[in-house]
Amino acid sequence: MEHYDFDTDFSILIADDDESFSQLLADLLLSQNFDVRYIRGPKYNIERILESKFDILLLDVFLGEVNGLDLIPSIRSHYPDCSIIVMTGYPDKDIAIKALQLGAFDFLEKPFPGELLFHVISRTMKTLHDKRKVARLFYDLHKSQTELISNQERLEYLNKQLRETNKALAIFAQNIESEKDDLEKQIAVKLRSLIVPSIEKLRNDNISSHYNNQIDMLIRQVEDLTSDFSPDANLAFKLSITEFRIASLIKHGNTTEEIARQLHVSPSTVRSHRKNIRKKLKINNARYSLKNFLYSSERHKLQGNKG
């Protein structure tokens, strides 16, 4: 006997009115470890067949008063994935053609050898296996498409959320910048309204007349720091207090010696501070005047505010 690699996970049902023949077929299939059953009793109808679960149906054409071919449409409708092998002891070409047209997988003429039965069963199982494999592939494909669509929708939702978040952050940053400008203006107003009058009062005092130069310098520095058109407010964050005072004096045309006298320090100390100021302001060109840089920065800021 030819060797067949049967998949015994498939179940077989025998529907034949000859019980002895059904028993013979069942024993033959059981010898190959198939899950096989057959319908007992003289009465055959569609309900008795459909109440049994099966993958392969060995269906006799003449079941007493019932024509097995007439049952095929209902069987195919109820079990669309099953395979039907029609059997008959009355060979007829028209019967075979009709059986195949109704959806039967194959046709066997009784009596048939066991070798032919196994060959047909093997071919039937291979077809069923391929159909189930294709069905699983279609299922996996549909599942992948569903997951892809779901992920795409989620990605679009996240992108939308990201765009809205970026928009909100941009508005928030604008509000912070606006509030920062307002706060700087408020501080400038406070400084001018509180400090400058006090310094002016001090300058008018006869006792402090010897310090008029220092008082004038202090007033200029406060005005520079609080001016809406001056970049000195930014310089104040980059420079130390002494460096800021020196930068303010340089911008107003004071020489190194004049600055040294006003601050009561040596000219070499002023020159050292000038170097630090240039370094912090990133003035790398030694030929570029620090005074011109400060004046140019003030002029550009003034033009920008007027624009």
C-alpha atoms as a PDB file:
ATOM      1  CA  MET A   1       0.000   0.000   0.000  1.00  0.00           C
ATOM      2  CA  GLU A   2       1.227   3.487  -0.863  1.00  0.00           C
ATOM      3  CA  HIS A   3       2.234   5.568   2.155  1.00  0.00           C
ATOM      4  CA  TYR A   4       0.057   8.591   2.921  1.00  0.00           C
ATOM      5  CA  ASP A   5       0.858  11.306   5.426  1.00  0.00           C
ATOM      6  CA  PHE A   6      -2.653  11.789   6.780  1.00  0.00           C
ATOM      7  CA  ASP A   7      -3.656  14.718   8.986  1.00  0.00           C
ATOM      8  CA  THR A   8      -5.863  12.908  11.497  1.00  0.00           C
ATOM      9  CA  ASP A   9      -7.206  16.224  12.846  1.00  0.00           C
ATOM     10  CA  PHE A  10      -9.818  16.062  10.078  1.00  0.00           C
ATOM     11  CA  SER A  11     -13.037  14.269  11.018  1.00  0.00           C
ATOM     12  CA  ILE A  12     -14.923  12.009   8.584  1.00  0.00           C
ATOM     13  CA  LEU A  13     -18.636  11.166   8.480  1.00  0.00           C
ATOM     14  CA  ILE A  14     -20.049   8.220   6.457  1.00  0.00           C
ATOM     15  CA  ALA A  15     -23.646   8.478   5.225  1.00  0.00           C
ATOM     16  CA  ASP A  16     -24.618   5.166   3.552  1.00  0.00           C
ATOM     17  CA  ASP A  17     -27.784   3.109   3.969  1.00  0.00           C
ATOM     18  CA  ASP A  18     -25.717  -0.118   3.868  1.00  0.00           C
ATOM     19  CA  GLU A  19     -24.649  -0.408   7.510  1.00  0.00           C
ATOM     20  CA  SER A  20     -22.238  -3.291   6.872  1.00  0.00           C
ATOM     21  CA  PHE A  21     -20.497  -1.251   4.168  1.00  0.00           C
ATOM     22  CA  SER A  22     -20.382   1.759   6.484  1.00  0.00           C
ATOM     23  CA  GLN A  23     -18.805  -0.396   9.195  1.00  0.00           C
ATOM     24  CA  LEU A  24     -16.219  -1.692   6.707  1.00  0.00           C
ATOM     25  CA  LEU A  25     -15.273   1.845   5.634  1.00  0.00           C
ATOM     26  CA  ALA A  26     -15.114   2.994   9.247  1.00  0.00           C
ATOM     27  CA  ASP A  27     -12.778   0.133  10.236  1.00  0.00           C
ATOM     28  CA  LEU A  28     -10.556   0.864   7.267  1.00  0.00           C
ATOM     29  CA  LEU A  29     -10.286   4.552   8.182  1.00  0.00           C
ATOM     30  CA  LEU A  30      -9.860   3.814  11.887  1.00  0.00           C
ATOM     31  CA  SER A  31      -6.831   1.717  10.983  1.00  0.00           C
ATOM     32  CA  GLN A  32      -5.231   5.001   9.886  1.00  0.00           C
ATOM     33  CA  ASN A  33      -6.256   6.697  13.169  1.00  0.00           C
ATOM     34  CA  PHE A  34      -8.975   8.866  11.612  1.00  0.00           C
ATOM     35  CA  ASP A  35     -11.764  10.418  13.638  1.00  0.00           C
ATOM     36  CA  VAL A  36     -14.591   8.652  11.803  1.00  0.00           C
ATOM     37  CA  ARG A  37     -18.300   8.031  12.452  1.00  0.00           C
ATOM     38  CA  TYR A  38     -21.200   6.725  10.399  1.00  0.00           C
ATOM     39  CA  ILE A  39     -24.956   7.204  10.577  1.00  0.00           C
ATOM     40  CA  ARG A  40     -26.843   4.104  11.726  1.00  0.00           C
ATOM     41  CA  GLY A  41     -30.435   3.192  10.957  1.00  0.00           C
ATOM     42  CA  PRO A  42     -32.599   3.026   7.859  1.00  0.00           C
ATOM     43  CA  LYS A  43     -33.892   6.620   7.887  1.00  0.00           C
ATOM     44  CA  TYR A  44     -31.757   9.374   6.357  1.00  0.00           C
ATOM     45  CA  ASN A  45     -32.561  13.052   6.259  1.00  0.00           C
ATOM     46  CA  ILE A  46     -30.673  16.316   6.250  1.00  0.00           C
ATOM     47  CA  GLU A  47     -31.142  16.858  10.000  1.00  0.00           C
ATOM     48  CA  ARG A  48     -29.306  13.640  10.890  1.00  0.00           C
ATOM     49  CA  ILE A  49     -26.361  14.633   8.748  1.00  0.00           C
ATOM     50  CA  LEU A  50     -26.183  18.242   9.921  1.00  0.00           C
ATOM     51  CA  GLU A  51     -26.299  17.309  13.605  1.00  0.00           C
ATOM     52  CA  SER A  52     -22.898  15.637  13.176  1.00  0.00           C
ATOM     53  CA  LYS A  53     -19.792  17.799  12.866  1.00  0.00           C
ATOM     54  CA  PHE A  54     -17.354  16.725  10.149  1.00  0.00           C
ATOM     55  CA  ASP A  55     -14.719  17.938   7.688  1.00  0.00           C
ATOM     56  CA  ILE A  56     -15.139  15.214   5.067  1.00  0.00           C
ATOM     57  CA  LEU A  57     -18.442  13.548   4.175  1.00  0.00           C
ATOM     58  CA  LEU A  58     -18.615  10.183   2.338  1.00  0.00           C
ATOM     59  CA  LEU A  59     -22.130  10.474   0.917  1.00  0.00           C
ATOM     60  CA  ASP A  60     -23.979   7.682  -0.851  1.00  0.00           C
ATOM     61  CA  VAL A  61     -26.250   8.737  -3.737  1.00  0.00           C
ATOM     62  CA  PHE A  62     -29.132   6.433  -2.831  1.00  0.00           C
ATOM     63  CA  LEU A  63     -30.088   6.594   0.846  1.00  0.00           C
ATOM     64  CA  GLY A  64     -33.289   4.568   0.788  1.00  0.00           C
ATOM     65  CA  GLU A  65     -35.999   7.011  -0.189  1.00  0.00           C
ATOM     66  CA  VAL A  66     -33.617   9.973  -0.055  1.00  0.00           C
ATOM     67  CA  ASN A  67     -31.417  11.117  -2.946  1.00  0.00           C
ATOM     68  CA  GLY A  68     -28.060  12.062  -1.515  1.00  0.00           C
ATOM     69  CA  LEU A  69     -27.452  14.586  -4.310  1.00  0.00           C
ATOM     70  CA  ASP A  70     -30.497  16.554  -3.174  1.00  0.00           C
ATOM     71  CA  LEU A  71     -28.856  17.013   0.238  1.00  0.00           C
ATOM     72  CA  ILE A  72     -25.637  18.537  -1.088  1.00  0.00           C
ATOM     73  CA  PRO A  73     -26.822  22.214  -1.353  1.00  0.00           C
ATOM     74  CA  SER A  74     -28.081  22.225   2.246  1.00  0.00           C
ATOM     75  CA  ILE A  75     -24.915  20.501   3.490  1.00  0.00           C
ATOM     76  CA  ARG A  76     -22.692  22.983   1.629  1.00  0.00           C
ATOM     77  CA  SER A  77     -24.743  25.871   3.023  1.00  0.00           C
ATOM     78  CA  HIS A  78     -24.419  24.601   6.597  1.00  0.00           C
ATOM     79  CA  TYR A  79     -20.785  23.451   6.316  1.00  0.00           C
ATOM     80  CA  PRO A  80     -19.223  25.657   3.591  1.00  0.00           C
ATOM     81  CA  ASP A  81     -15.685  24.467   4.400  1.00  0.00           C
ATOM     82  CA  CYS A  82     -16.397  20.742   4.258  1.00  0.00           C
ATOM     83  CA  SER A  83     -15.530  18.406   1.367  1.00  0.00           C
ATOM     84  CA  ILE A  84     -18.120  15.934   0.038  1.00  0.00           C
ATOM     85  CA  ILE A  85     -17.098  12.695  -1.668  1.00  0.00           C
ATOM     86  CA  VAL A  86     -20.070  11.100  -3.435  1.00  0.00           C
ATOM     87  CA  MET A  87     -20.312   7.286  -3.561  1.00  0.00           C
ATOM     88  CA  THR A  88     -22.623   5.117  -5.686  1.00  0.00           C
ATOM     89  CA  GLY A  89     -22.977   1.480  -6.710  1.00  0.00           C
ATOM     90  CA  TYR A  90     -24.755   2.527  -9.908  1.00  0.00           C
ATOM     91  CA  PRO A  91     -22.154   4.232 -12.086  1.00  0.00           C
ATOM     92  CA  ASP A  92     -23.672   6.935 -14.209  1.00  0.00           C
ATOM     93  CA  LYS A  93     -21.840   9.749 -15.979  1.00  0.00           C
ATOM     94  CA  ASP A  94     -24.731  12.172 -15.502  1.00  0.00           C
ATOM     95  CA  ILE A  95     -24.826  11.477 -11.749  1.00  0.00           C
ATOM     96  CA  ALA A  96     -21.098  12.190 -11.454  1.00  0.00           C
ATOM     97  CA  ILE A  97     -21.415  15.437 -13.411  1.00  0.00           C
ATOM     98  CA  LYS A  98     -24.407  16.576 -11.344  1.00  0.00           C
ATOM     99  CA  ALA A  99     -22.602  15.758  -8.076  1.00  0.00           C
ATOM    100  CA  LEU A 100     -19.605  17.857  -9.057  1.00  0.00           C
ATOM    101  CA  GLN A 101     -21.835  20.698 -10.273  1.00  0.00           C
ATOM    102  CA  LEU A 102     -23.613  20.740  -6.900  1.00  0.00           C
ATOM    103  CA  GLY A 103     -20.271  21.176  -5.108  1.00  0.00           C
ATOM    104  CA  ALA A 104     -19.006  17.651  -4.439  1.00  0.00           C
ATOM    105  CA  PHE A 105     -15.230  17.364  -4.259  1.00  0.00           C
ATOM    106  CA  ASP A 106     -14.903  13.887  -5.844  1.00  0.00           C
ATOM    107  CA  PHE A 107     -16.842  10.835  -6.985  1.00  0.00           C
ATOM    108  CA  LEU A 108     -16.246   7.137  -6.144  1.00  0.00           C
ATOM    109  CA  GLU A 109     -17.862   4.124  -7.818  1.00  0.00           C
ATOM    110  CA  LYS A 110     -18.573   1.130  -5.605  1.00  0.00           C
ATOM    111  CA  PRO A 111     -16.864  -1.131  -5.033  1.00  0.00           C
ATOM    112  CA  PHE A 112     -13.583   0.757  -4.762  1.00  0.00           C
ATOM    113  CA  PRO A 113     -10.262  -0.448  -3.343  1.00  0.00           C
ATOM    114  CA  GLY A 114      -8.901   0.943  -0.129  1.00  0.00           C
ATOM    115  CA  GLU A 115      -5.922   2.339  -2.015  1.00  0.00           C
ATOM    116  CA  LEU A 116      -8.221   4.541  -4.133  1.00  0.00           C
ATOM    117  CA  LEU A 117     -10.146   5.655  -1.018  1.00  0.00           C
ATOM    118  CA  PHE A 118      -6.958   6.692   0.738  1.00  0.00           C
ATOM    119  CA  HIS A 119      -5.744   8.493  -2.376  1.00  0.00           C
ATOM    120  CA  VAL A 120      -8.976  10.498  -2.608  1.00  0.00           C
ATOM    121  CA  ILE A 121      -8.974  11.161   1.157  1.00  0.00           C
ATOM    122  CA  SER A 122      -5.334  12.353   0.969  1.00  0.00           C
ATOM    123  CA  ARG A 123      -6.114  14.713  -1.914  1.00  0.00           C
ATOM    124  CA  THR A 124      -9.197  15.999  -0.120  1.00  0.00           C
ATOM    125  CA  MET A 125      -7.255  16.712   3.080  1.00  0.00           C
ATOM    126  CA  LYS A 126      -4.550  18.551   1.155  1.00  0.00           C
ATOM    127  CA  THR A 127      -7.186  20.770  -0.465  1.00  0.00           C
ATOM    128  CA  LEU A 128      -8.844  21.421   2.909  1.00  0.00           C
ATOM    129  CA  HIS A 129      -5.464  22.183   4.471  1.00  0.00           C
ATOM    130  CA  ASP A 130      -4.638  24.674   1.701  1.00  0.00           C
ATOM    131  CA  LYS A 131      -8.048  26.315   2.001  1.00  0.00           C
ATOM    132  CA  ARG A 132      -7.633  26.709   5.754  1.00  0.00           C
ATOM    133  CA  LYS A 133      -4.121  28.073   5.285  1.00  0.00           C
ATOM    134  CA  VAL A 134      -5.426  30.653   2.809  1.00  0.00           C
ATOM    135  CA  ALA A 135      -8.274  31.495   5.204  1.00  0.00           C
ATOM    136  CA  ARG A 136      -5.761  32.043   8.034  1.00  0.00           C
ATOM    137  CA  LEU A 137      -3.640  34.215   5.765  1.00  0.00           C
ATOM    138  CA  PHE A 138      -6.674  36.297   4.858  1.00  0.00           C
ATOM    139  CA  TYR A 139      -7.603  36.536   8.536  1.00  0.00           C
ATOM    140  CA  ASP A 140      -4.060  37.599   9.500  1.00  0.00           C
ATOM    141  CA  LEU A 141      -4.038  40.091   6.622  1.00  0.00           C
ATOM    142  CA  HIS A 142      -7.374  41.544   7.696  1.00  0.00           C
ATOM    143  CA  LYS A 143      -6.168  41.705  11.298  1.00  0.00           C
ATOM    144  CA  SER A 144      -2.951  43.449  10.202  1.00  0.00           C
ATOM    145  CA  GLN A 145      -4.925  45.921   8.098  1.00  0.00           C
ATOM    146  CA  THR A 146      -7.237  46.611  11.029  1.00  0.00           C
ATOM    147  CA  GLU A 147      -4.267  47.160  13.359  1.00  0.00           C
ATOM    148  CA  LEU A 148      -2.586  49.351  10.738  1.00  0.00           C
ATOM    149  CA  ILE A 149      -5.705  51.493  10.357  1.00  0.00           C
ATOM    150  CA  SER A 150      -6.043  51.694  14.142  1.00  0.00           C
ATOM    151  CA  ASN A 151      -2.379  52.697  14.537  1.00  0.00           C
ATOM    152  CA  GLN A 152      -2.716  55.209  11.715  1.00  0.00           C
ATOM    153  CA  GLU A 153      -5.772  56.759  13.338  1.00  0.00           C
ATOM    154  CA  ARG A 154      -3.940  56.855  16.679  1.00  0.00           C
ATOM    155  CA  LEU A 155      -0.898  58.442  15.003  1.00  0.00           C
ATOM    156  CA  GLU A 156      -3.092  61.075  13.361  1.00  0.00           C
ATOM    157  CA  TYR A 157      -4.733  61.751  16.735  1.00  0.00           C
ATOM    158  CA  LEU A 158      -1.329  62.073  18.432  1.00  0.00           C
ATOM    159  CA  ASN A 159      -0.103  64.373  15.647  1.00  0.00           C
ATOM    160  CA  LYS A 160      -3.188  66.517  16.096  1.00  0.00           C
ATOM    161  CA  GLN A 161      -2.621  66.621  19.854  1.00  0.00           C
ATOM    162  CA  LEU A 162       1.039  67.506  19.257  1.00  0.00           C
ATOM    163  CA  ARG A 163       0.101  70.342  16.899  1.00  0.00           C
ATOM    164  CA  GLU A 164      -2.414  71.697  19.401  1.00  0.00           C
ATOM    165  CA  THR A 165       0.164  71.383  22.201  1.00  0.00           C
ATOM    166  CA  ASN A 166       2.808  73.202  20.142  1.00  0.00           C
ATOM    167  CA  LYS A 167       0.286  75.905  19.344  1.00  0.00           C
ATOM    168  CA  ALA A 168      -0.594  76.256  23.022  1.00  0.00           C
ATOM    169  CA  LEU A 169       3.101  76.369  23.967  1.00  0.00           C
ATOM    170  CA  ALA A 170       3.742  79.059  21.336  1.00  0.00           C
ATOM    171  CA  ILE A 171       0.907  81.162  22.746  1.00  0.00           C
ATOM    172  CA  PHE A 172       2.191  80.498  26.263  1.00  0.00           C
ATOM    173  CA  ALA A 173       5.712  81.595  25.241  1.00  0.00           C
ATOM    174  CA  GLN A 174       4.307  84.757  23.656  1.00  0.00           C
ATOM    175  CA  ASN A 175       2.382  85.500  26.823  1.00  0.00           C
ATOM    176  CA  ILE A 176       5.507  84.954  28.930  1.00  0.00           C
ATOM    177  CA  GLU A 177       7.522  87.264  26.662  1.00  0.00           C
ATOM    178  CA  SER A 178       4.771  89.856  26.805  1.00  0.00           C
ATOM    179  CA  GLU A 179       4.555  89.575  30.582  1.00  0.00           C
ATOM    180  CA  LYS A 180       8.356  89.822  30.773  1.00  0.00           C
ATOM    181  CA  ASP A 181       8.341  93.049  28.747  1.00  0.00           C
ATOM    182  CA  ASP A 182       5.550  94.453  30.915  1.00  0.00           C
ATOM    183  CA  LEU A 183       7.442  93.502  34.067  1.00  0.00           C
ATOM    184  CA  GLU A 184      10.649  95.135  32.808  1.00  0.00           C
ATOM    185  CA  LYS A 185       8.727  98.323  32.019  1.00  0.00           C
ATOM    186  CA  GLN A 186       7.116  98.287  35.456  1.00  0.00           C
ATOM    187  CA  ILE A 187      10.529  97.850  37.091  1.00  0.00           C
ATOM    188  CA  ALA A 188      11.952 100.695  34.976  1.00  0.00           C
ATOM    189  CA  VAL A 189       9.092 102.980  35.980  1.00  0.00           C
ATOM    190  CA  LYS A 190       9.557 102.080  39.640  1.00  0.00           C
ATOM    191  CA  LEU A 191      13.300 102.706  39.476  1.00  0.00           C
ATOM    192  CA  ARG A 192      12.887 106.050  37.784  1.00  0.00           C
ATOM    193  CA  SER A 193      10.033 107.204  40.001  1.00  0.00           C
ATOM    194  CA  LEU A 194      11.719 106.185  43.253  1.00  0.00           C
ATOM    195  CA  ILE A 195      15.482 106.335  42.782  1.00  0.00           C
ATOM    196  CA  VAL A 196      16.033 109.286  40.402  1.00  0.00           C
ATOM    197  CA  PRO A 197      14.103 111.835  42.548  1.00  0.00           C
ATOM    198  CA  SER A 198      16.078 110.748  45.605  1.00  0.00           C
ATOM    199  CA  ILE A 199      19.368 111.160  43.753  1.00  0.00           C
ATOM    200  CA  GLU A 200      18.268 114.574  42.424  1.00  0.00           C
ATOM    201  CA  LYS A 201      17.436 115.627  45.957  1.00  0.00           C
ATOM    202  CA  LEU A 202      20.840 114.452  47.085  1.00  0.00           C
ATOM    203  CA  ARG A 203      22.557 116.496  44.351  1.00  0.00           C
ATOM    204  CA  ASN A 204      20.738 119.659  45.494  1.00  0.00           C
ATOM    205  CA  ASP A 205      22.031 119.180  48.999  1.00  0.00           C
ATOM    206  CA  ASN A 206      25.004 121.476  49.691  1.00  0.00           C
ATOM    207  CA  ILE A 207      26.709 118.838  51.774  1.00  0.00           C
ATOM    208  CA  SER A 208      26.995 116.481  48.786  1.00  0.00           C
ATOM    209  CA  SER A 209      28.146 119.134  46.296  1.00  0.00           C
ATOM    210  CA  HIS A 210      31.634 117.589  46.251  1.00  0.00           C
ATOM    211  CA  TYR A 211      30.143 114.400  44.748  1.00  0.00           C
ATOM    212  CA  ASN A 212      28.230 115.984  41.868  1.00  0.00           C
ATOM    213  CA  ASN A 213      30.222 114.064  39.266  1.00  0.00           C
ATOM    214  CA  GLN A 214      29.480 110.756  40.937  1.00  0.00           C
ATOM    215  CA  ILE A 215      25.833 111.690  41.372  1.00  0.00           C
ATOM    216  CA  ASP A 216      25.551 112.664  37.692  1.00  0.00           C
ATOM    217  CA  MET A 217      27.113 109.371  36.729  1.00  0.00           C
ATOM    218  CA  LEU A 218      24.679 107.479  38.970  1.00  0.00           C
ATOM    219  CA  ILE A 219      21.702 109.277  37.399  1.00  0.00           C
ATOM    220  CA  ARG A 220      22.930 108.428  33.879  1.00  0.00           C
ATOM    221  CA  GLN A 221      23.357 104.788  34.830  1.00  0.00           C
ATOM    222  CA  VAL A 222      19.832 104.578  36.255  1.00  0.00           C
ATOM    223  CA  GLU A 223      18.456 106.249  33.147  1.00  0.00           C
ATOM    224  CA  ASP A 224      20.413 103.868  30.924  1.00  0.00           C
ATOM    225  CA  LEU A 225      19.192 100.862  32.852  1.00  0.00           C
ATOM    226  CA  THR A 226      15.542 101.924  32.775  1.00  0.00           C
ATOM    227  CA  SER A 227      15.344 103.357  29.259  1.00  0.00           C
ATOM    228  CA  ASP A 228      12.885 101.595  26.931  1.00  0.00           C
ATOM    229  CA  PHE A 229      15.235 102.264  24.006  1.00  0.00           C
ATOM    230  CA  SER A 230      18.477 101.100  25.550  1.00  0.00           C
ATOM    231  CA  PRO A 231      20.069  97.653  25.432  1.00  0.00           C
ATOM    232  CA  ASP A 232      21.718  98.309  28.795  1.00  0.00           C
ATOM    233  CA  ALA A 233      19.080  96.313  30.636  1.00  0.00           C
ATOM    234  CA  ASN A 234      20.414  93.234  28.850  1.00  0.00           C
ATOM    235  CA  LEU A 235      23.985  94.278  29.565  1.00  0.00           C
ATOM    236  CA  ALA A 236      23.191  94.430  33.258  1.00  0.00           C
ATOM    237  CA  PHE A 237      22.542  90.688  33.225  1.00  0.00           C
ATOM    238  CA  LYS A 238      25.810  89.918  31.415  1.00  0.00           C
ATOM    239  CA  LEU A 239      28.150  92.268  33.309  1.00  0.00           C
ATOM    240  CA  SER A 240      29.081  92.691  36.930  1.00  0.00           C
ATOM    241  CA  ILE A 241      28.022  95.896  38.739  1.00  0.00           C
ATOM    242  CA  THR A 242      31.467  97.485  38.286  1.00  0.00           C
ATOM    243  CA  GLU A 243      31.668  96.395  34.634  1.00  0.00           C
ATOM    244  CA  PHE A 244      28.227  97.834  33.988  1.00  0.00           C
ATOM    245  CA  ARG A 245      29.227 101.187  35.535  1.00  0.00           C
ATOM    246  CA  ILE A 246      32.376 101.288  33.407  1.00  0.00           C
ATOM    247  CA  ALA A 247      30.443 100.326  30.237  1.00  0.00           C
ATOM    248  CA  SER A 248      27.965 103.136  30.913  1.00  0.00           C
ATOM    249  CA  LEU A 249      30.787 105.665  31.345  1.00  0.00           C
ATOM    250  CA  ILE A 250      32.536 104.437  28.168  1.00  0.00           C
ATOM    251  CA  LYS A 251      29.332 104.839  26.177  1.00  0.00           C
ATOM    252  CA  HIS A 252      29.044 108.445  27.369  1.00  0.00           C
ATOM    253  CA  GLY A 253      32.551 109.252  26.150  1.00  0.00           C
ATOM    254  CA  ASN A 254      34.637 108.959  29.292  1.00  0.00           C
ATOM    255  CA  THR A 255      38.281 107.929  28.853  1.00  0.00           C
ATOM    256  CA  THR A 256      40.030 105.249  30.892  1.00  0.00           C
ATOM    257  CA  GLU A 257      41.720 107.883  33.065  1.00  0.00           C
ATOM    258  CA  GLU A 258      38.451 109.783  33.655  1.00  0.00           C
ATOM    259  CA  ILE A 259      36.702 106.575  34.636  1.00  0.00           C
ATOM    260  CA  ALA A 260      39.546 105.675  36.994  1.00  0.00           C
ATOM    261  CA  ARG A 261      39.245 109.056  38.736  1.00  0.00           C
ATOM    262  CA  GLN A 262      35.457 108.826  39.087  1.00  0.00           C
ATOM    263  CA  LEU A 263      35.576 105.283  40.458  1.00  0.00           C
ATOM    264  CA  HIS A 264      38.705 105.872  42.534  1.00  0.00           C
ATOM    265  CA  VAL A 265      40.596 102.980  40.948  1.00  0.00           C
ATOM    266  CA  SER A 266      43.773 102.742  38.891  1.00  0.00           C
ATOM    267  CA  PRO A 267      43.696 103.023  35.095  1.00  0.00           C
ATOM    268  CA  SER A 268      45.109  99.469  34.847  1.00  0.00           C
ATOM    269  CA  THR A 269      42.069  98.205  36.757  1.00  0.00           C
ATOM    270  CA  VAL A 270      39.767 100.001  34.317  1.00  0.00           C
ATOM    271  CA  ARG A 271      41.672  98.499  31.375  1.00  0.00           C
ATOM    272  CA  SER A 272      41.312  95.033  32.905  1.00  0.00           C
ATOM    273  CA  HIS A 273      37.553  95.568  33.247  1.00  0.00           C
ATOM    274  CA  ARG A 274      37.391  96.790  29.653  1.00  0.00           C
ATOM    275  CA  LYS A 275      38.967  93.516  28.507  1.00  0.00           C
ATOM    276  CA  ASN A 276      36.432  91.496  30.511  1.00  0.00           C
ATOM    277  CA  ILE A 277      33.585  93.560  29.068  1.00  0.00           C
ATOM    278  CA  ARG A 278      34.771  92.939  25.503  1.00  0.00           C
ATOM    279  CA  LYS A 279      35.076  89.220  26.247  1.00  0.00           C
ATOM    280  CA  LYS A 280      31.572  88.959  27.738  1.00  0.00           C
ATOM    281  CA  LEU A 281      30.084  90.945  24.837  1.00  0.00           C
ATOM    282  CA  LYS A 282      32.050  88.765  22.371  1.00  0.00           C
ATOM    283  CA  ILE A 283      33.873  91.664  20.705  1.00  0.00           C
ATOM    284  CA  ASN A 284      36.701  89.666  19.137  1.00  0.00           C
ATOM    285  CA  ASN A 285      38.031  92.363  16.814  1.00  0.00           C
ATOM    286  CA  ALA A 286      40.657  94.304  18.783  1.00  0.00           C
ATOM    287  CA  ARG A 287      40.343  97.255  16.397  1.00  0.00           C
ATOM    288  CA  TYR A 288      36.626  97.652  17.076  1.00  0.00           C
ATOM    289  CA  SER A 289      35.952 100.388  19.636  1.00  0.00           C
ATOM    290  CA  LEU A 290      34.000  99.369  22.725  1.00  0.00           C
ATOM    291  CA  LYS A 291      32.388 102.807  22.746  1.00  0.00           C
ATOM    292  CA  ASN A 292      31.258 102.394  19.121  1.00  0.00           C
ATOM    293  CA  PHE A 293      29.865  98.958  19.917  1.00  0.00           C
ATOM    294  CA  LEU A 294      27.807 100.265  22.834  1.00  0.00           C
ATOM    295  CA  TYR A 295      26.654 103.288  20.844  1.00  0.00           C
ATOM    296  CA  SER A 296      25.787 101.137  17.826  1.00  0.00           C
ATOM    297  CA  SER A 297      23.783  98.730  20.002  1.00  0.00           C
ATOM    298  CA  GLU A 298      21.856 101.653  21.478  1.00  0.00           C
ATOM    299  CA  ARG A 299      21.159 103.131  18.030  1.00  0.00           C
ATOM    300  CA  HIS A 300      19.910  99.819  16.580  1.00  0.00           C
ATOM    301  CA  LYS A 301      17.647  99.297  19.579  1.00  0.00           C
ATOM    302  CA  LEU A 302      16.275 102.820  19.191  1.00  0.00           C
ATOM    303  CA  GLN A 303      15.585 102.290  15.475  1.00  0.00           C
ATOM    304  CA  GLY A 304      13.964  98.919  16.201  1.00  0.00           C
ATOM    305  CA  ASN A 305      11.600 100.442  18.758  1.00  0.00           C
ATOM    306  CA  LYS A 306      10.690 103.292  16.396  1.00  0.00           C
ATOM    307  CA  GLY A 307       9.984 100.732  13.625  1.00  0.00           C
END
